[in-house]
Amino acid sequence: MDKKRNETHLFPKEKKIPRVTLSTRRGIFTGKKNGTPPGDIGFPLFSKKIKETRDGKYLLATGTYPPQIRCFEVQKNFRLKFVRNGTHEVKDFKILSTNWEKLVFLREDKTLEFHTKQGSFYFLKLPSTAPDLSLDPKKGIIYVPTLYRDIYTVDTAAGRFSNTFKVSSVSRRTCSEIHPSNNILGCGTNSGRTDFWDPRAPSKPIGCLKNCSLKTEKKINPVSSLRFSENSNVSIFIGYASGDIVLYDLRRQGPVISKNLGNNLPITSIKNHFSSNIAITTDIHHVSLWNIKNGKEKAFIKSKHKINHVCKLRESGFLFLSVENPLITVKLIKKN
């Protein structure tokens, strides 16, 4: 294959930085263990969300046009397994099973659409618009944080709404995240506050974190993304619209460390690296790898296309970027 064709949809060549190496050529994506991503994984116009199944064997992505869900097989050279067309754009989706067979989609028309192995299976209309979904995979509970009203829970086994979290705040919810071990639900708001809920006591939040004094201080600094640390039960990353990322210890009010990407763009994604000391944070045009101990940047990627979503494969260094371009951008982050 022509070398120029291989590089057309990748980011410009990046400067090598010690300890964290970013790939700049297609040829680096080789090896029988993790497969070689082909140059044609993408959508007719662009992709919106991309996620890995819990068994690590499939990659699921949504895109347009028409609204679609596409499944790629990780262990078979990222071969396209199937395509399903939808009737409405998808804001978010969750993988209910360990593989691709059970899915739920949050559609733009305030509807949850459930899929099984055979295809579309069940629809559930929401009372209000929601920014995203959070899932407790052990109990099969979906949390729907609507923008202005209460937080609804959906029991996937029963196929209906269950408990409702009563919300008295007038702030608009912008994002949500559930703790992987203790099931605490975090909800960010446009006022800069993050509320925490215990599903066993849905009557009121069990605590909150208010926007701390950041270098780019603003009167209103909405929360744009949340991520509980996979390496600590008491740590959470909070991304703000100002481009700040703050690491909090839930046992105290003040931040552990804060960093600004310097682009004045909302933080849209926070991921974990191989190392427990490295965080991968993203805004709509940049990806930054930085040390959470001292705040120093280890690597930086700039995209000429708007970044909609980021997925890092858990057992490898493959980094997939859903961008405003037909092809999904692929990068490789090495451990050393």
C-alpha atoms as a PDB file:
ATOM      1  CA  MET A   1       0.000   0.000   0.000  1.00  0.00           C
ATOM      2  CA  ASP A   2       1.232   3.468  -0.837  1.00  0.00           C
ATOM      3  CA  LYS A   3       2.916   5.130   2.151  1.00  0.00           C
ATOM      4  CA  LYS A   4       1.239   8.491   1.483  1.00  0.00           C
ATOM      5  CA  ARG A   5      -2.176   6.890   1.519  1.00  0.00           C
ATOM      6  CA  ASN A   6      -1.413   5.317   4.895  1.00  0.00           C
ATOM      7  CA  GLU A   7      -0.728   8.689   6.503  1.00  0.00           C
ATOM      8  CA  THR A   8      -3.451  10.865   5.055  1.00  0.00           C
ATOM      9  CA  HIS A   9      -5.814  10.651   8.017  1.00  0.00           C
ATOM     10  CA  LEU A  10      -3.289  10.515  10.844  1.00  0.00           C
ATOM     11  CA  PHE A  11      -2.190  13.465  12.928  1.00  0.00           C
ATOM     12  CA  PRO A  12       0.931  15.364  11.870  1.00  0.00           C
ATOM     13  CA  LYS A  13       4.197  13.864  13.053  1.00  0.00           C
ATOM     14  CA  GLU A  14       4.772  14.522  16.744  1.00  0.00           C
ATOM     15  CA  LYS A  15       8.010  15.259  18.553  1.00  0.00           C
ATOM     16  CA  LYS A  16       9.251  12.201  20.459  1.00  0.00           C
ATOM     17  CA  ILE A  17       9.112  12.587  24.211  1.00  0.00           C
ATOM     18  CA  PRO A  18      10.947  10.291  26.642  1.00  0.00           C
ATOM     19  CA  ARG A  19       8.979   7.511  28.381  1.00  0.00           C
ATOM     20  CA  VAL A  20       5.858   7.998  26.230  1.00  0.00           C
ATOM     21  CA  THR A  21       6.159   7.376  22.497  1.00  0.00           C
ATOM     22  CA  LEU A  22       3.456   8.184  19.967  1.00  0.00           C
ATOM     23  CA  SER A  23       3.269   6.460  16.610  1.00  0.00           C
ATOM     24  CA  THR A  24       3.445   8.584  13.481  1.00  0.00           C
ATOM     25  CA  ARG A  25       3.240   5.932  10.759  1.00  0.00           C
ATOM     26  CA  ARG A  26       0.764   3.219   9.873  1.00  0.00           C
ATOM     27  CA  GLY A  27       3.556   0.701   9.757  1.00  0.00           C
ATOM     28  CA  ILE A  28       3.845   0.694  13.535  1.00  0.00           C
ATOM     29  CA  PHE A  29       0.426  -0.943  13.890  1.00  0.00           C
ATOM     30  CA  THR A  30       1.681  -4.465  13.324  1.00  0.00           C
ATOM     31  CA  GLY A  31       1.722  -7.638  15.362  1.00  0.00           C
ATOM     32  CA  LYS A  32      -0.427 -10.745  15.630  1.00  0.00           C
ATOM     33  CA  LYS A  33      -1.443 -10.126  19.232  1.00  0.00           C
ATOM     34  CA  ASN A  34      -3.504  -6.970  18.838  1.00  0.00           C
ATOM     35  CA  GLY A  35      -4.117  -6.841  15.107  1.00  0.00           C
ATOM     36  CA  THR A  36      -3.404  -4.148  12.550  1.00  0.00           C
ATOM     37  CA  PRO A  37      -6.053  -1.426  12.211  1.00  0.00           C
ATOM     38  CA  PRO A  38      -6.904  -1.013   8.511  1.00  0.00           C
ATOM     39  CA  GLY A  39      -7.219   2.361   6.853  1.00  0.00           C
ATOM     40  CA  ASP A  40     -10.956   2.126   6.197  1.00  0.00           C
ATOM     41  CA  ILE A  41     -12.519   1.967   9.676  1.00  0.00           C
ATOM     42  CA  GLY A  42     -14.960   4.826   9.715  1.00  0.00           C
ATOM     43  CA  PHE A  43     -18.340   6.159   8.579  1.00  0.00           C
ATOM     44  CA  PRO A  44     -19.773   7.875   5.504  1.00  0.00           C
ATOM     45  CA  LEU A  45     -19.451  11.335   7.153  1.00  0.00           C
ATOM     46  CA  PHE A  46     -17.944  11.058  10.640  1.00  0.00           C
ATOM     47  CA  SER A  47     -18.009   9.036  13.860  1.00  0.00           C
ATOM     48  CA  LYS A  48     -19.426  10.306  17.167  1.00  0.00           C
ATOM     49  CA  LYS A  49     -18.749   7.710  19.890  1.00  0.00           C
ATOM     50  CA  ILE A  50     -16.394   4.736  20.060  1.00  0.00           C
ATOM     51  CA  LYS A  51     -16.100   2.138  22.832  1.00  0.00           C
ATOM     52  CA  GLU A  52     -14.492  -1.220  23.570  1.00  0.00           C
ATOM     53  CA  THR A  53     -16.497  -4.198  24.829  1.00  0.00           C
ATOM     54  CA  ARG A  54     -15.609  -5.546  28.272  1.00  0.00           C
ATOM     55  CA  ASP A  55     -14.230  -8.790  26.831  1.00  0.00           C
ATOM     56  CA  GLY A  56     -11.820  -6.754  24.688  1.00  0.00           C
ATOM     57  CA  LYS A  57     -12.808  -8.514  21.462  1.00  0.00           C
ATOM     58  CA  TYR A  58     -14.925  -5.835  19.772  1.00  0.00           C
ATOM     59  CA  LEU A  59     -14.944  -2.132  19.086  1.00  0.00           C
ATOM     60  CA  LEU A  60     -18.334  -0.414  18.742  1.00  0.00           C
ATOM     61  CA  ALA A  61     -18.813   3.006  17.198  1.00  0.00           C
ATOM     62  CA  THR A  62     -21.703   5.294  16.292  1.00  0.00           C
ATOM     63  CA  GLY A  63     -21.665   7.767  13.438  1.00  0.00           C
ATOM     64  CA  THR A  64     -23.530   9.268  10.521  1.00  0.00           C
ATOM     65  CA  TYR A  65     -24.999   9.599   7.847  1.00  0.00           C
ATOM     66  CA  PRO A  66     -27.396   7.812   8.102  1.00  0.00           C
ATOM     67  CA  PRO A  67     -27.209   7.241  11.875  1.00  0.00           C
ATOM     68  CA  GLN A  68     -25.316   3.982  12.280  1.00  0.00           C
ATOM     69  CA  ILE A  69     -23.717   1.584  14.743  1.00  0.00           C
ATOM     70  CA  ARG A  70     -20.689  -0.322  13.472  1.00  0.00           C
ATOM     71  CA  CYS A  71     -18.898  -3.224  15.130  1.00  0.00           C
ATOM     72  CA  PHE A  72     -15.248  -4.092  14.483  1.00  0.00           C
ATOM     73  CA  GLU A  73     -13.501  -7.309  15.541  1.00  0.00           C
ATOM     74  CA  VAL A  74     -10.300  -6.498  17.427  1.00  0.00           C
ATOM     75  CA  GLN A  75      -8.728  -9.945  17.051  1.00  0.00           C
ATOM     76  CA  LYS A  76      -9.480 -10.158  13.337  1.00  0.00           C
ATOM     77  CA  ASN A  77      -7.546  -7.168  12.080  1.00  0.00           C
ATOM     78  CA  PHE A  78     -10.412  -4.829  13.082  1.00  0.00           C
ATOM     79  CA  ARG A  79     -12.607  -6.331  10.403  1.00  0.00           C
ATOM     80  CA  LEU A  80     -16.117  -4.892  10.141  1.00  0.00           C
ATOM     81  CA  LYS A  81     -18.534  -7.396  11.729  1.00  0.00           C
ATOM     82  CA  PHE A  82     -21.838  -5.642  11.128  1.00  0.00           C
ATOM     83  CA  VAL A  83     -23.567  -2.324  10.440  1.00  0.00           C
ATOM     84  CA  ARG A  84     -26.966  -1.275  11.792  1.00  0.00           C
ATOM     85  CA  ASN A  85     -28.798   1.799  10.568  1.00  0.00           C
ATOM     86  CA  GLY A  86     -30.919   3.876  12.924  1.00  0.00           C
ATOM     87  CA  THR A  87     -33.670   6.453  12.579  1.00  0.00           C
ATOM     88  CA  HIS A  88     -32.279   9.093  14.986  1.00  0.00           C
ATOM     89  CA  GLU A  89     -28.875  10.452  15.958  1.00  0.00           C
ATOM     90  CA  VAL A  90     -27.283   8.874  19.025  1.00  0.00           C
ATOM     91  CA  LYS A  91     -25.978  11.045  21.885  1.00  0.00           C
ATOM     92  CA  ASP A  92     -24.490   8.208  23.943  1.00  0.00           C
ATOM     93  CA  PHE A  93     -24.595   4.435  24.270  1.00  0.00           C
ATOM     94  CA  LYS A  94     -23.685   1.753  26.799  1.00  0.00           C
ATOM     95  CA  ILE A  95     -22.655  -1.871  26.323  1.00  0.00           C
ATOM     96  CA  LEU A  96     -24.820  -3.999  28.613  1.00  0.00           C
ATOM     97  CA  SER A  97     -23.147  -7.374  27.982  1.00  0.00           C
ATOM     98  CA  THR A  98     -19.505  -8.407  27.977  1.00  0.00           C
ATOM     99  CA  ASN A  99     -19.601  -8.526  24.179  1.00  0.00           C
ATOM    100  CA  TRP A 100     -21.627  -6.598  21.548  1.00  0.00           C
ATOM    101  CA  GLU A 101     -24.905  -8.495  21.851  1.00  0.00           C
ATOM    102  CA  LYS A 102     -26.755  -6.224  24.329  1.00  0.00           C
ATOM    103  CA  LEU A 103     -26.665  -2.449  23.850  1.00  0.00           C
ATOM    104  CA  VAL A 104     -28.630   0.644  24.834  1.00  0.00           C
ATOM    105  CA  PHE A 105     -28.634   3.915  22.887  1.00  0.00           C
ATOM    106  CA  LEU A 106     -29.587   7.378  24.119  1.00  0.00           C
ATOM    107  CA  ARG A 107     -31.219   8.998  21.087  1.00  0.00           C
ATOM    108  CA  GLU A 108     -31.634  12.690  20.376  1.00  0.00           C
ATOM    109  CA  ASP A 109     -35.427  12.338  20.572  1.00  0.00           C
ATOM    110  CA  LYS A 110     -35.359  11.486  24.324  1.00  0.00           C
ATOM    111  CA  THR A 111     -35.652   7.754  23.757  1.00  0.00           C
ATOM    112  CA  LEU A 112     -33.670   4.771  25.034  1.00  0.00           C
ATOM    113  CA  GLU A 113     -33.336   2.150  22.304  1.00  0.00           C
ATOM    114  CA  PHE A 114     -32.305  -1.345  23.409  1.00  0.00           C
ATOM    115  CA  HIS A 115     -30.617  -3.791  21.048  1.00  0.00           C
ATOM    116  CA  THR A 116     -30.074  -7.529  21.264  1.00  0.00           C
ATOM    117  CA  LYS A 117     -28.105  -9.849  19.021  1.00  0.00           C
ATOM    118  CA  GLN A 118     -30.937  -9.777  16.493  1.00  0.00           C
ATOM    119  CA  GLY A 119     -31.201  -5.963  16.374  1.00  0.00           C
ATOM    120  CA  SER A 120     -33.531  -3.328  17.788  1.00  0.00           C
ATOM    121  CA  PHE A 121     -35.627  -4.841  20.576  1.00  0.00           C
ATOM    122  CA  TYR A 122     -37.271  -2.285  22.912  1.00  0.00           C
ATOM    123  CA  PHE A 123     -37.906   1.464  23.236  1.00  0.00           C
ATOM    124  CA  LEU A 124     -38.327   3.505  26.402  1.00  0.00           C
ATOM    125  CA  LYS A 125     -39.371   7.159  26.241  1.00  0.00           C
ATOM    126  CA  LEU A 126     -37.625   9.526  28.672  1.00  0.00           C
ATOM    127  CA  PRO A 127     -39.440  12.341  30.511  1.00  0.00           C
ATOM    128  CA  SER A 128     -36.706  14.839  29.684  1.00  0.00           C
ATOM    129  CA  THR A 129     -33.515  15.332  27.692  1.00  0.00           C
ATOM    130  CA  ALA A 130     -30.348  13.741  29.128  1.00  0.00           C
ATOM    131  CA  PRO A 131     -26.699  14.623  28.376  1.00  0.00           C
ATOM    132  CA  ASP A 132     -25.422  11.041  28.694  1.00  0.00           C
ATOM    133  CA  LEU A 133     -25.871   7.669  30.415  1.00  0.00           C
ATOM    134  CA  SER A 134     -24.136   5.872  33.286  1.00  0.00           C
ATOM    135  CA  LEU A 135     -24.247   2.104  33.798  1.00  0.00           C
ATOM    136  CA  ASP A 136     -23.819  -0.214  36.756  1.00  0.00           C
ATOM    137  CA  PRO A 137     -22.890  -3.412  34.857  1.00  0.00           C
ATOM    138  CA  LYS A 138     -23.112  -5.661  37.936  1.00  0.00           C
ATOM    139  CA  LYS A 139     -26.732  -4.789  38.740  1.00  0.00           C
ATOM    140  CA  GLY A 140     -27.824  -3.913  35.220  1.00  0.00           C
ATOM    141  CA  ILE A 141     -28.994  -0.444  36.240  1.00  0.00           C
ATOM    142  CA  ILE A 142     -28.855   2.522  33.851  1.00  0.00           C
ATOM    143  CA  TYR A 143     -28.708   6.024  35.348  1.00  0.00           C
ATOM    144  CA  VAL A 144     -30.254   8.801  33.252  1.00  0.00           C
ATOM    145  CA  PRO A 145     -29.298  12.282  34.550  1.00  0.00           C
ATOM    146  CA  THR A 146     -31.807  14.529  32.823  1.00  0.00           C
ATOM    147  CA  LEU A 147     -30.838  18.139  32.266  1.00  0.00           C
ATOM    148  CA  TYR A 148     -33.158  19.935  34.664  1.00  0.00           C
ATOM    149  CA  ARG A 149     -35.335  17.302  36.294  1.00  0.00           C
ATOM    150  CA  ASP A 150     -34.669  14.273  38.516  1.00  0.00           C
ATOM    151  CA  ILE A 151     -32.158  11.505  37.848  1.00  0.00           C
ATOM    152  CA  TYR A 152     -33.958   8.409  36.615  1.00  0.00           C
ATOM    153  CA  THR A 153     -32.847   4.796  36.931  1.00  0.00           C
ATOM    154  CA  VAL A 154     -33.798   2.042  34.514  1.00  0.00           C
ATOM    155  CA  ASP A 155     -33.793  -1.612  35.559  1.00  0.00           C
ATOM    156  CA  THR A 156     -32.719  -3.493  32.432  1.00  0.00           C
ATOM    157  CA  ALA A 157     -33.946  -6.822  33.823  1.00  0.00           C
ATOM    158  CA  ALA A 158     -37.465  -5.474  34.358  1.00  0.00           C
ATOM    159  CA  GLY A 159     -37.415  -3.081  31.385  1.00  0.00           C
ATOM    160  CA  ARG A 160     -38.855  -0.151  33.340  1.00  0.00           C
ATOM    161  CA  PHE A 161     -37.989   2.832  35.512  1.00  0.00           C
ATOM    162  CA  SER A 162     -37.165   2.087  39.147  1.00  0.00           C
ATOM    163  CA  ASN A 163     -35.913   4.506  41.840  1.00  0.00           C
ATOM    164  CA  THR A 164     -35.731   8.233  41.140  1.00  0.00           C
ATOM    165  CA  PHE A 165     -33.079  10.532  42.600  1.00  0.00           C
ATOM    166  CA  LYS A 166     -34.791  13.685  43.839  1.00  0.00           C
ATOM    167  CA  VAL A 167     -33.001  16.844  42.692  1.00  0.00           C
ATOM    168  CA  SER A 168     -33.635  20.233  44.264  1.00  0.00           C
ATOM    169  CA  SER A 169     -30.831  22.124  42.499  1.00  0.00           C
ATOM    170  CA  VAL A 170     -31.740  24.343  39.551  1.00  0.00           C
ATOM    171  CA  SER A 171     -28.359  23.784  37.877  1.00  0.00           C
ATOM    172  CA  ARG A 172     -28.320  21.994  34.548  1.00  0.00           C
ATOM    173  CA  ARG A 173     -26.529  18.633  34.530  1.00  0.00           C
ATOM    174  CA  THR A 174     -23.806  18.322  31.918  1.00  0.00           C
ATOM    175  CA  CYS A 175     -22.259  14.860  32.449  1.00  0.00           C
ATOM    176  CA  SER A 176     -22.249  11.831  34.730  1.00  0.00           C
ATOM    177  CA  GLU A 177     -19.970   8.996  35.822  1.00  0.00           C
ATOM    178  CA  ILE A 178     -20.403   5.988  38.111  1.00  0.00           C
ATOM    179  CA  HIS A 179     -17.698   4.628  40.410  1.00  0.00           C
ATOM    180  CA  PRO A 180     -16.570   1.175  39.167  1.00  0.00           C
ATOM    181  CA  SER A 181     -16.514  -0.443  42.635  1.00  0.00           C
ATOM    182  CA  ASN A 182     -18.782   1.357  45.134  1.00  0.00           C
ATOM    183  CA  ASN A 183     -21.433   2.516  42.602  1.00  0.00           C
ATOM    184  CA  ILE A 184     -21.375   6.150  43.713  1.00  0.00           C
ATOM    185  CA  LEU A 185     -22.858   8.309  40.945  1.00  0.00           C
ATOM    186  CA  GLY A 186     -21.259  11.667  40.133  1.00  0.00           C
ATOM    187  CA  CYS A 187     -23.105  14.361  38.168  1.00  0.00           C
ATOM    188  CA  GLY A 188     -21.458  17.534  36.865  1.00  0.00           C
ATOM    189  CA  THR A 189     -23.436  20.748  36.455  1.00  0.00           C
ATOM    190  CA  ASN A 190     -23.199  23.993  34.504  1.00  0.00           C
ATOM    191  CA  SER A 191     -22.600  25.868  37.776  1.00  0.00           C
ATOM    192  CA  GLY A 192     -19.262  24.086  38.275  1.00  0.00           C
ATOM    193  CA  ARG A 193     -20.502  21.851  41.067  1.00  0.00           C
ATOM    194  CA  THR A 194     -20.303  18.055  41.088  1.00  0.00           C
ATOM    195  CA  ASP A 195     -22.941  16.188  43.121  1.00  0.00           C
ATOM    196  CA  PHE A 196     -22.511  12.637  44.392  1.00  0.00           C
ATOM    197  CA  TRP A 197     -25.352  10.181  44.943  1.00  0.00           C
ATOM    198  CA  ASP A 198     -25.589   6.850  46.719  1.00  0.00           C
ATOM    199  CA  PRO A 199     -28.175   4.629  44.948  1.00  0.00           C
ATOM    200  CA  ARG A 200     -29.216   3.277  48.356  1.00  0.00           C
ATOM    201  CA  ALA A 201     -30.268   6.773  49.487  1.00  0.00           C
ATOM    202  CA  PRO A 202     -31.752   8.535  46.442  1.00  0.00           C
ATOM    203  CA  SER A 203     -33.553  11.266  48.381  1.00  0.00           C
ATOM    204  CA  LYS A 204     -30.596  13.685  48.349  1.00  0.00           C
ATOM    205  CA  PRO A 205     -26.892  13.872  47.387  1.00  0.00           C
ATOM    206  CA  ILE A 206     -24.397  12.476  49.879  1.00  0.00           C
ATOM    207  CA  GLY A 207     -21.883  15.212  49.042  1.00  0.00           C
ATOM    208  CA  CYS A 208     -20.621  17.677  46.477  1.00  0.00           C
ATOM    209  CA  LEU A 209     -17.446  19.298  45.174  1.00  0.00           C
ATOM    210  CA  LYS A 210     -17.604  22.951  44.275  1.00  0.00           C
ATOM    211  CA  ASN A 211     -15.465  24.601  41.637  1.00  0.00           C
ATOM    212  CA  CYS A 212     -12.154  25.463  43.263  1.00  0.00           C
ATOM    213  CA  SER A 213     -10.011  28.521  42.510  1.00  0.00           C
ATOM    214  CA  LEU A 214      -8.235  27.700  39.267  1.00  0.00           C
ATOM    215  CA  LYS A 215      -5.585  29.577  37.337  1.00  0.00           C
ATOM    216  CA  THR A 216      -8.168  30.434  34.675  1.00  0.00           C
ATOM    217  CA  GLU A 217     -10.665  31.607  37.247  1.00  0.00           C
ATOM    218  CA  LYS A 218     -14.167  32.313  35.982  1.00  0.00           C
ATOM    219  CA  LYS A 219     -17.398  33.233  37.707  1.00  0.00           C
ATOM    220  CA  ILE A 220     -19.108  30.264  36.054  1.00  0.00           C
ATOM    221  CA  ASN A 221     -17.001  27.294  34.994  1.00  0.00           C
ATOM    222  CA  PRO A 222     -19.244  24.368  33.977  1.00  0.00           C
ATOM    223  CA  VAL A 223     -18.177  20.778  34.498  1.00  0.00           C
ATOM    224  CA  SER A 224     -17.651  19.156  31.094  1.00  0.00           C
ATOM    225  CA  SER A 225     -16.388  15.641  31.992  1.00  0.00           C
ATOM    226  CA  LEU A 226     -15.932  13.266  34.924  1.00  0.00           C
ATOM    227  CA  ARG A 227     -13.747  10.213  35.465  1.00  0.00           C
ATOM    228  CA  PHE A 228     -13.280   8.116  38.591  1.00  0.00           C
ATOM    229  CA  SER A 229      -9.722   6.860  38.918  1.00  0.00           C
ATOM    230  CA  GLU A 230      -9.251   3.170  38.176  1.00  0.00           C
ATOM    231  CA  ASN A 231      -6.248   3.087  40.498  1.00  0.00           C
ATOM    232  CA  SER A 232      -7.832   4.633  43.580  1.00  0.00           C
ATOM    233  CA  ASN A 233     -11.255   4.275  45.201  1.00  0.00           C
ATOM    234  CA  VAL A 234     -11.199   7.841  46.507  1.00  0.00           C
ATOM    235  CA  SER A 235      -9.997   9.842  43.498  1.00  0.00           C
ATOM    236  CA  ILE A 236     -11.922  11.546  40.705  1.00  0.00           C
ATOM    237  CA  PHE A 237     -10.862  13.656  37.733  1.00  0.00           C
ATOM    238  CA  ILE A 238     -13.108  16.594  36.874  1.00  0.00           C
ATOM    239  CA  GLY A 239     -12.766  18.449  33.572  1.00  0.00           C
ATOM    240  CA  TYR A 240     -14.080  21.998  33.186  1.00  0.00           C
ATOM    241  CA  ALA A 241     -15.187  24.165  30.279  1.00  0.00           C
ATOM    242  CA  SER A 242     -12.162  26.424  30.849  1.00  0.00           C
ATOM    243  CA  GLY A 243      -9.765  23.612  29.889  1.00  0.00           C
ATOM    244  CA  ASP A 244      -8.843  22.773  33.478  1.00  0.00           C
ATOM    245  CA  ILE A 245      -8.520  19.216  34.782  1.00  0.00           C
ATOM    246  CA  VAL A 246      -8.623  18.798  38.543  1.00  0.00           C
ATOM    247  CA  LEU A 247      -7.832  15.653  40.520  1.00  0.00           C
ATOM    248  CA  TYR A 248      -9.783  15.450  43.770  1.00  0.00           C
ATOM    249  CA  ASP A 249      -9.529  13.181  46.776  1.00  0.00           C
ATOM    250  CA  LEU A 250     -13.120  12.501  47.865  1.00  0.00           C
ATOM    251  CA  ARG A 251     -12.062  12.521  51.502  1.00  0.00           C
ATOM    252  CA  ARG A 252     -11.269  16.226  51.392  1.00  0.00           C
ATOM    253  CA  GLN A 253     -12.644  19.338  49.735  1.00  0.00           C
ATOM    254  CA  GLY A 254      -9.519  20.801  48.143  1.00  0.00           C
ATOM    255  CA  PRO A 255      -7.884  19.529  44.932  1.00  0.00           C
ATOM    256  CA  VAL A 256      -4.851  17.238  44.843  1.00  0.00           C
ATOM    257  CA  ILE A 257      -3.540  18.763  41.607  1.00  0.00           C
ATOM    258  CA  SER A 258      -4.926  20.855  38.763  1.00  0.00           C
ATOM    259  CA  LYS A 259      -3.746  21.377  35.200  1.00  0.00           C
ATOM    260  CA  ASN A 260      -4.844  23.562  32.311  1.00  0.00           C
ATOM    261  CA  LEU A 261      -4.321  22.406  28.727  1.00  0.00           C
ATOM    262  CA  GLY A 262      -3.922  26.032  27.698  1.00  0.00           C
ATOM    263  CA  ASN A 263      -6.428  25.944  24.854  1.00  0.00           C
ATOM    264  CA  ASN A 264      -9.497  27.454  26.587  1.00  0.00           C
ATOM    265  CA  LEU A 265     -11.560  24.527  25.314  1.00  0.00           C
ATOM    266  CA  PRO A 266     -13.826  22.248  27.381  1.00  0.00           C
ATOM    267  CA  ILE A 267     -12.337  18.944  28.513  1.00  0.00           C
ATOM    268  CA  THR A 268     -14.393  16.257  26.782  1.00  0.00           C
ATOM    269  CA  SER A 269     -12.656  13.026  27.805  1.00  0.00           C
ATOM    270  CA  ILE A 270     -10.394  11.690  30.566  1.00  0.00           C
ATOM    271  CA  LYS A 271      -8.791   8.239  30.239  1.00  0.00           C
ATOM    272  CA  ASN A 272      -6.245   6.129  32.107  1.00  0.00           C
ATOM    273  CA  HIS A 273      -2.842   5.226  30.704  1.00  0.00           C
ATOM    274  CA  PHE A 274      -0.875   2.020  31.371  1.00  0.00           C
ATOM    275  CA  SER A 275       0.884   3.879  34.177  1.00  0.00           C
ATOM    276  CA  SER A 276      -1.177   4.878  37.198  1.00  0.00           C
ATOM    277  CA  ASN A 277       0.611   8.242  37.154  1.00  0.00           C
ATOM    278  CA  ILE A 278      -0.369   9.211  33.588  1.00  0.00           C
ATOM    279  CA  ALA A 279      -3.739  10.646  32.539  1.00  0.00           C
ATOM    280  CA  ILE A 280      -4.987  11.056  28.955  1.00  0.00           C
ATOM    281  CA  THR A 281      -7.165  14.156  28.618  1.00  0.00           C
ATOM    282  CA  THR A 282      -8.875  15.474  25.514  1.00  0.00           C
ATOM    283  CA  ASP A 283     -10.590  18.596  24.272  1.00  0.00           C
ATOM    284  CA  ILE A 284     -12.150  19.036  20.835  1.00  0.00           C
ATOM    285  CA  HIS A 285      -8.775  19.494  19.084  1.00  0.00           C
ATOM    286  CA  HIS A 286      -6.039  18.168  21.399  1.00  0.00           C
ATOM    287  CA  VAL A 287      -4.982  15.056  23.315  1.00  0.00           C
ATOM    288  CA  SER A 288      -2.585  15.487  26.237  1.00  0.00           C
ATOM    289  CA  LEU A 289      -0.743  12.870  28.295  1.00  0.00           C
ATOM    290  CA  TRP A 290       0.456  14.263  31.615  1.00  0.00           C
ATOM    291  CA  ASN A 291       1.803  13.139  34.970  1.00  0.00           C
ATOM    292  CA  ILE A 292      -0.741  13.452  37.790  1.00  0.00           C
ATOM    293  CA  LYS A 293       2.042  13.670  40.375  1.00  0.00           C
ATOM    294  CA  ASN A 294       3.697  16.846  39.081  1.00  0.00           C
ATOM    295  CA  GLY A 295       1.436  18.047  36.233  1.00  0.00           C
ATOM    296  CA  LYS A 296       4.184  17.762  33.600  1.00  0.00           C
ATOM    297  CA  GLU A 297       3.092  16.977  30.069  1.00  0.00           C
ATOM    298  CA  LYS A 298       4.543  13.810  28.560  1.00  0.00           C
ATOM    299  CA  ALA A 299       3.037  13.948  25.085  1.00  0.00           C
ATOM    300  CA  PHE A 300       0.708  16.127  23.055  1.00  0.00           C
ATOM    301  CA  ILE A 301      -1.339  15.510  19.898  1.00  0.00           C
ATOM    302  CA  LYS A 302      -3.133  18.114  17.823  1.00  0.00           C
ATOM    303  CA  SER A 303      -5.949  17.184  15.444  1.00  0.00           C
ATOM    304  CA  LYS A 304      -6.999  19.188  12.411  1.00  0.00           C
ATOM    305  CA  HIS A 305     -10.467  17.634  12.778  1.00  0.00           C
ATOM    306  CA  LYS A 306     -12.819  18.112  15.720  1.00  0.00           C
ATOM    307  CA  ILE A 307     -12.499  15.242  18.205  1.00  0.00           C
ATOM    308  CA  ASN A 308     -15.884  13.837  19.271  1.00  0.00           C
ATOM    309  CA  HIS A 309     -14.767  10.919  21.433  1.00  0.00           C
ATOM    310  CA  VAL A 310     -11.714   8.900  22.456  1.00  0.00           C
ATOM    311  CA  CYS A 311     -11.298   5.199  23.233  1.00  0.00           C
ATOM    312  CA  LYS A 312      -8.135   3.510  24.506  1.00  0.00           C
ATOM    313  CA  LEU A 313      -7.975  -0.274  24.296  1.00  0.00           C
ATOM    314  CA  ARG A 314      -7.346  -1.627  27.784  1.00  0.00           C
ATOM    315  CA  GLU A 315      -4.847  -4.333  26.866  1.00  0.00           C
ATOM    316  CA  SER A 316      -2.882  -2.360  24.286  1.00  0.00           C
ATOM    317  CA  GLY A 317      -1.755   1.143  23.451  1.00  0.00           C
ATOM    318  CA  PHE A 318      -4.200   1.689  20.611  1.00  0.00           C
ATOM    319  CA  LEU A 319      -5.949   5.048  20.891  1.00  0.00           C
ATOM    320  CA  PHE A 320      -9.002   5.528  18.658  1.00  0.00           C
ATOM    321  CA  LEU A 321     -10.317   9.028  18.006  1.00  0.00           C
ATOM    322  CA  SER A 322     -13.791   9.679  16.629  1.00  0.00           C
ATOM    323  CA  VAL A 323     -13.337  12.855  14.609  1.00  0.00           C
ATOM    324  CA  GLU A 324     -15.292  15.038  12.183  1.00  0.00           C
ATOM    325  CA  ASN A 325     -13.850  13.037   9.305  1.00  0.00           C
ATOM    326  CA  PRO A 326     -14.977   9.805   7.607  1.00  0.00           C
ATOM    327  CA  LEU A 327     -11.967   7.835   8.899  1.00  0.00           C
ATOM    328  CA  ILE A 328     -11.443   7.061  12.578  1.00  0.00           C
ATOM    329  CA  THR A 329      -7.999   8.248  13.612  1.00  0.00           C
ATOM    330  CA  VAL A 330      -5.726   5.633  15.208  1.00  0.00           C
ATOM    331  CA  LYS A 331      -2.674   6.233  17.394  1.00  0.00           C
ATOM    332  CA  LEU A 332      -0.414   3.952  19.358  1.00  0.00           C
ATOM    333  CA  ILE A 333       0.917   4.854  22.789  1.00  0.00           C
ATOM    334  CA  LYS A 334       3.800   2.699  23.932  1.00  0.00           C
ATOM    335  CA  LYS A 335       4.470   1.820  27.540  1.00  0.00           C
ATOM    336  CA  ASN A 336       8.063   3.014  27.370  1.00  0.00           C
END
